[in-house]
């Protein structure tokens, strides 16, 4: 249970950091990049791609894959 909680927090942190970088890189649009160049740029940056890792970790921790029945009080 505690491992799932910390995995969720780690995934949430990665997602927040990635979204922050994506928003920071929006400044590229003001210096002459068009939208397609912006998307191409952020898909090549590892800090922006961590959003998928973070969402995957959060999804894995929230879904019950039919293991033993656990009762949460």
C-alpha atoms as a PDB file:
ATOM      1  CA  UNK A   1       0.000   0.000   0.000  1.00  0.00           C
ATOM      2  CA  UNK A   2       2.770   2.436   0.900  1.00  0.00           C
ATOM      3  CA  UNK A   3       4.691   1.507  -2.257  1.00  0.00           C
ATOM      4  CA  UNK A   4       1.644   2.350  -4.385  1.00  0.00           C
ATOM      5  CA  UNK A   5       1.310   5.675  -2.603  1.00  0.00           C
ATOM      6  CA  UNK A   6       4.940   6.629  -3.220  1.00  0.00           C
ATOM      7  CA  UNK A   7       4.781   5.450  -6.838  1.00  0.00           C
ATOM      8  CA  UNK A   8       1.722   7.640  -7.318  1.00  0.00           C
ATOM      9  CA  UNK A   9       3.496  10.632  -5.780  1.00  0.00           C
ATOM     10  CA  UNK A  10       6.561  10.029  -7.957  1.00  0.00           C
ATOM     11  CA  UNK A  11       4.398   9.816 -11.084  1.00  0.00           C
ATOM     12  CA  UNK A  12       2.516  12.937 -10.056  1.00  0.00           C
ATOM     13  CA  UNK A  13       5.806  14.787  -9.539  1.00  0.00           C
ATOM     14  CA  UNK A  14       7.120  13.752 -12.960  1.00  0.00           C
ATOM     15  CA  UNK A  15       3.894  14.876 -14.586  1.00  0.00           C
ATOM     16  CA  UNK A  16       3.960  18.270 -12.871  1.00  0.00           C
ATOM     17  CA  UNK A  17       7.608  18.870 -13.770  1.00  0.00           C
ATOM     18  CA  UNK A  18       6.976  17.911 -17.398  1.00  0.00           C
ATOM     19  CA  UNK A  19       3.951  20.201 -17.667  1.00  0.00           C
ATOM     20  CA  UNK A  20       5.991  23.025 -16.191  1.00  0.00           C
ATOM     21  CA  UNK A  21       8.696  22.589 -18.836  1.00  0.00           C
ATOM     22  CA  UNK A  22       6.097  22.450 -21.602  1.00  0.00           C
ATOM     23  CA  UNK A  23       4.655  25.741 -20.367  1.00  0.00           C
ATOM     24  CA  UNK A  24       8.130  27.286 -20.074  1.00  0.00           C
ATOM     25  CA  UNK A  25       8.913  26.291 -23.649  1.00  0.00           C
ATOM     26  CA  UNK A  26       5.826  28.164 -24.846  1.00  0.00           C
ATOM     27  CA  UNK A  27       8.134  31.193 -24.860  1.00  0.00           C
ATOM     28  CA  UNK A  28       9.617  29.777 -28.059  1.00  0.00           C
ATOM     29  CA  UNK A  29       6.448  30.823 -29.838  1.00  0.00           C
ATOM     30  CA  UNK A  30       7.166  34.445 -29.010  1.00  0.00           C
ATOM     31  CA  UNK A  31      10.624  34.384 -30.626  1.00  0.00           C
ATOM     32  CA  UNK A  32       9.477  33.138 -34.010  1.00  0.00           C
ATOM     33  CA  UNK A  33       8.779  29.418 -33.784  1.00  0.00           C
ATOM     34  CA  UNK A  34       5.487  28.285 -35.253  1.00  0.00           C
ATOM     35  CA  UNK A  35       3.289  25.718 -33.519  1.00  0.00           C
ATOM     36  CA  UNK A  36       4.593  22.716 -35.473  1.00  0.00           C
ATOM     37  CA  UNK A  37       8.221  23.590 -34.719  1.00  0.00           C
ATOM     38  CA  UNK A  38       7.254  23.956 -31.050  1.00  0.00           C
ATOM     39  CA  UNK A  39       5.641  20.507 -30.973  1.00  0.00           C
ATOM     40  CA  UNK A  40       8.663  19.034 -32.762  1.00  0.00           C
ATOM     41  CA  UNK A  41      10.953  20.657 -30.196  1.00  0.00           C
ATOM     42  CA  UNK A  42       9.108  19.435 -27.101  1.00  0.00           C
ATOM     43  CA  UNK A  43       8.809  15.879 -28.444  1.00  0.00           C
ATOM     44  CA  UNK A  44      12.607  15.715 -28.570  1.00  0.00           C
ATOM     45  CA  UNK A  45      13.168  16.905 -25.003  1.00  0.00           C
ATOM     46  CA  UNK A  46      13.361  14.156 -22.361  1.00  0.00           C
ATOM     47  CA  UNK A  47      12.041  16.411 -19.616  1.00  0.00           C
ATOM     48  CA  UNK A  48       8.873  16.943 -21.638  1.00  0.00           C
ATOM     49  CA  UNK A  49       8.458  13.252 -22.415  1.00  0.00           C
ATOM     50  CA  UNK A  50       8.495  12.347 -18.725  1.00  0.00           C
ATOM     51  CA  UNK A  51       4.821  13.288 -18.694  1.00  0.00           C
ATOM     52  CA  UNK A  52       4.030   9.883 -20.222  1.00  0.00           C
ATOM     53  CA  UNK A  53       6.110   8.032 -17.631  1.00  0.00           C
ATOM     54  CA  UNK A  54       4.412   9.938 -14.831  1.00  0.00           C
ATOM     55  CA  UNK A  55       0.926   9.299 -16.197  1.00  0.00           C
ATOM     56  CA  UNK A  56       1.745   5.617 -16.652  1.00  0.00           C
ATOM     57  CA  UNK A  57       2.921   5.325 -13.023  1.00  0.00           C
ATOM     58  CA  UNK A  58      -0.205   7.062 -11.775  1.00  0.00           C
ATOM     59  CA  UNK A  59      -2.408   4.823 -13.915  1.00  0.00           C
ATOM     60  CA  UNK A  60      -0.689   1.645 -12.694  1.00  0.00           C
ATOM     61  CA  UNK A  61      -1.104   2.615  -9.054  1.00  0.00           C
ATOM     62  CA  UNK A  62      -4.783   3.527  -9.423  1.00  0.00           C
ATOM     63  CA  UNK A  63      -5.897   0.393 -11.287  1.00  0.00           C
ATOM     64  CA  UNK A  64      -6.542  -2.841  -9.427  1.00  0.00           C
ATOM     65  CA  UNK A  65      -5.489  -5.749 -11.615  1.00  0.00           C
ATOM     66  CA  UNK A  66      -7.631  -8.333  -9.828  1.00  0.00           C
ATOM     67  CA  UNK A  67      -5.242  -9.328  -7.118  1.00  0.00           C
ATOM     68  CA  UNK A  68      -6.315 -10.367  -3.667  1.00  0.00           C
ATOM     69  CA  UNK A  69      -9.254  -8.539  -2.171  1.00  0.00           C
ATOM     70  CA  UNK A  70      -8.079  -5.702  -0.006  1.00  0.00           C
ATOM     71  CA  UNK A  71     -10.410  -3.858   2.271  1.00  0.00           C
ATOM     72  CA  UNK A  72      -9.493  -0.275   2.911  1.00  0.00           C
ATOM     73  CA  UNK A  73     -10.745   1.195   6.147  1.00  0.00           C
END
